[in-house]
């Protein structure tokens, strides 16, 4: 449990570990990058949720994250249904998962900087 907490607090560590591991195993940069992104998204969800809770003194961060992911799944699924007439669940989930990586990475940086700024102001 402690190792999971460390990886959630510092989500760039799982990214680096998985990337290096996949590069050593598969020797394919794009496969290593995609796999590292997929694994790190899981840790980013918990990390950004915790940072959201700390920043806004809330307990709703994890649920908000899940709601936004479900809404994104609905939008992507609706778009697939309109364009192709059917829904490919694997592609839909992969698209939302990778989009979540980008959004969660931005959120992690944003909430970390905001929390640091807020901490510095409170110390003055």
Protein backbone atom coordinates (compact mmCIF):
# COMPACT_ATOMS: atom_id res chain seq x y z
CA UNK A 1 0.00 0.00 0.00
CA UNK A 2 2.86 2.39 0.78
CA UNK A 3 4.44 1.86 -2.64
CA UNK A 4 1.13 2.71 -4.34
CA UNK A 5 0.90 5.92 -2.30
CA UNK A 6 4.41 6.98 -3.31
CA UNK A 7 3.63 6.31 -6.98
CA UNK A 8 0.42 8.31 -6.69
CA UNK A 9 2.15 11.26 -5.05
CA UNK A 10 4.91 11.29 -7.67
CA UNK A 11 3.20 9.98 -10.83
CA UNK A 12 6.17 10.70 -13.07
CA UNK A 13 8.04 7.79 -11.40
CA UNK A 14 5.70 5.12 -12.80
CA UNK A 15 5.97 6.79 -16.20
CA UNK A 16 9.76 6.58 -16.18
CA UNK A 17 9.82 3.04 -14.74
CA UNK A 18 7.34 1.66 -17.26
CA UNK A 19 8.94 3.52 -20.16
CA UNK A 20 12.41 2.17 -19.36
CA UNK A 21 11.04 -1.32 -18.75
CA UNK A 22 9.14 -1.41 -22.03
CA UNK A 23 12.11 0.00 -23.94
CA UNK A 24 14.31 -2.76 -22.52
CA UNK A 25 11.71 -5.42 -23.30
CA UNK A 26 10.12 -4.35 -26.62
CA UNK A 27 12.77 -1.93 -27.93
CA UNK A 28 10.01 0.13 -29.53
CA UNK A 29 9.74 3.76 -28.48
CA UNK A 30 6.08 4.28 -29.44
CA UNK A 31 4.91 1.12 -27.66
CA UNK A 32 6.90 2.11 -24.57
CA UNK A 33 5.45 5.62 -24.60
CA UNK A 34 1.85 4.44 -25.02
CA UNK A 35 2.21 1.83 -22.28
CA UNK A 36 3.83 4.33 -19.91
CA UNK A 37 1.00 6.79 -20.58
CA UNK A 38 -1.64 4.13 -19.94
CA UNK A 39 -0.12 3.02 -16.63
CA UNK A 40 0.58 6.55 -15.41
CA UNK A 41 -3.00 7.68 -16.08
CA UNK A 42 -4.18 5.37 -13.31
CA UNK A 43 -1.83 7.04 -10.80
CA UNK A 44 -2.60 10.53 -12.11
CA UNK A 45 -6.30 10.05 -11.45
CA UNK A 46 -5.65 9.46 -7.75
CA UNK A 47 -2.98 12.15 -7.54
CA UNK A 48 -5.01 14.89 -9.23
CA UNK A 49 -8.07 13.94 -7.18
CA UNK A 50 -6.07 14.30 -3.96
CA UNK A 51 -4.58 17.61 -5.11
CA UNK A 52 -8.07 18.86 -6.01
CA UNK A 53 -9.31 17.88 -2.54
CA UNK A 54 -6.39 19.66 -0.87
CA UNK A 55 -6.70 22.76 -3.01
CA UNK A 56 -10.45 23.24 -2.61
CA UNK A 57 -10.87 21.64 0.86
CA UNK A 58 -13.22 19.08 -0.64
CA UNK A 59 -13.81 15.33 -0.71
CA UNK A 60 -15.34 15.34 -4.19
CA UNK A 61 -12.17 15.22 -6.35
CA UNK A 62 -12.19 11.50 -7.13
CA UNK A 63 -15.89 11.49 -7.94
CA UNK A 64 -15.54 14.56 -10.13
CA UNK A 65 -12.74 12.89 -12.04
CA UNK A 66 -14.82 9.75 -12.59
CA UNK A 67 -17.84 11.79 -13.68
CA UNK A 68 -15.73 13.69 -16.22
CA UNK A 69 -14.28 10.44 -17.60
CA UNK A 70 -17.77 8.96 -17.93
CA UNK A 71 -19.01 12.10 -19.70
CA UNK A 72 -16.03 11.94 -22.08
CA UNK A 73 -16.85 8.27 -22.78
CA UNK A 74 -20.41 9.34 -23.62
CA UNK A 75 -19.24 12.09 -25.99
CA UNK A 76 -16.73 9.85 -27.79
CA UNK A 77 -19.27 7.01 -27.98
CA UNK A 78 -21.92 9.35 -29.37
CA UNK A 79 -19.50 10.69 -31.97
CA UNK A 80 -18.52 7.17 -33.00
CA UNK A 81 -22.16 6.19 -33.31
CA UNK A 82 -22.98 9.20 -35.48
CA UNK A 83 -19.93 8.79 -37.73
CA UNK A 84 -19.69 5.01 -38.12
CA UNK A 85 -23.08 3.76 -36.99
CA UNK A 86 -21.53 1.56 -34.30
CA UNK A 87 -19.45 1.94 -31.17
CA UNK A 88 -16.01 0.38 -30.83
CA UNK A 89 -15.63 0.12 -27.05
CA UNK A 90 -11.90 -0.53 -27.10
CA UNK A 91 -11.09 2.48 -29.25
CA UNK A 92 -13.49 4.65 -27.29
CA UNK A 93 -11.95 3.70 -23.92
CA UNK A 94 -8.39 4.04 -25.26
CA UNK A 95 -9.12 7.51 -26.66
CA UNK A 96 -10.63 8.72 -23.39
CA UNK A 97 -7.86 7.10 -21.33
CA UNK A 98 -5.10 8.77 -23.34
CA UNK A 99 -6.96 12.08 -23.37
CA UNK A 100 -7.26 11.71 -19.59
CA UNK A 101 -3.48 11.35 -19.39
CA UNK A 102 -3.00 14.71 -21.08
CA UNK A 103 -5.68 16.47 -19.02
CA UNK A 104 -4.56 14.88 -15.74
CA UNK A 105 -0.91 15.76 -16.43
CA UNK A 106 -1.92 19.38 -16.95
CA UNK A 107 -4.11 19.24 -13.83
CA UNK A 108 -1.27 17.75 -11.78
CA UNK A 109 1.08 20.56 -12.79
CA UNK A 110 -1.60 23.21 -12.29
CA UNK A 111 -2.72 22.01 -8.86
CA UNK A 112 0.87 21.48 -7.71
CA UNK A 113 1.85 25.01 -8.69
CA UNK A 114 -1.34 26.45 -7.20
CA UNK A 115 -0.79 24.53 -3.94
CA UNK A 116 2.84 25.64 -3.78
CA UNK A 117 1.85 29.25 -4.43
CA UNK A 118 -0.86 29.04 -1.79
CA UNK A 119 1.58 27.53 0.72
CA UNK A 120 4.12 30.28 0.11
CA UNK A 121 1.47 32.99 0.56
CA UNK A 122 0.29 31.42 3.82
CA UNK A 123 3.86 31.38 5.17
CA UNK A 124 4.36 35.11 4.59
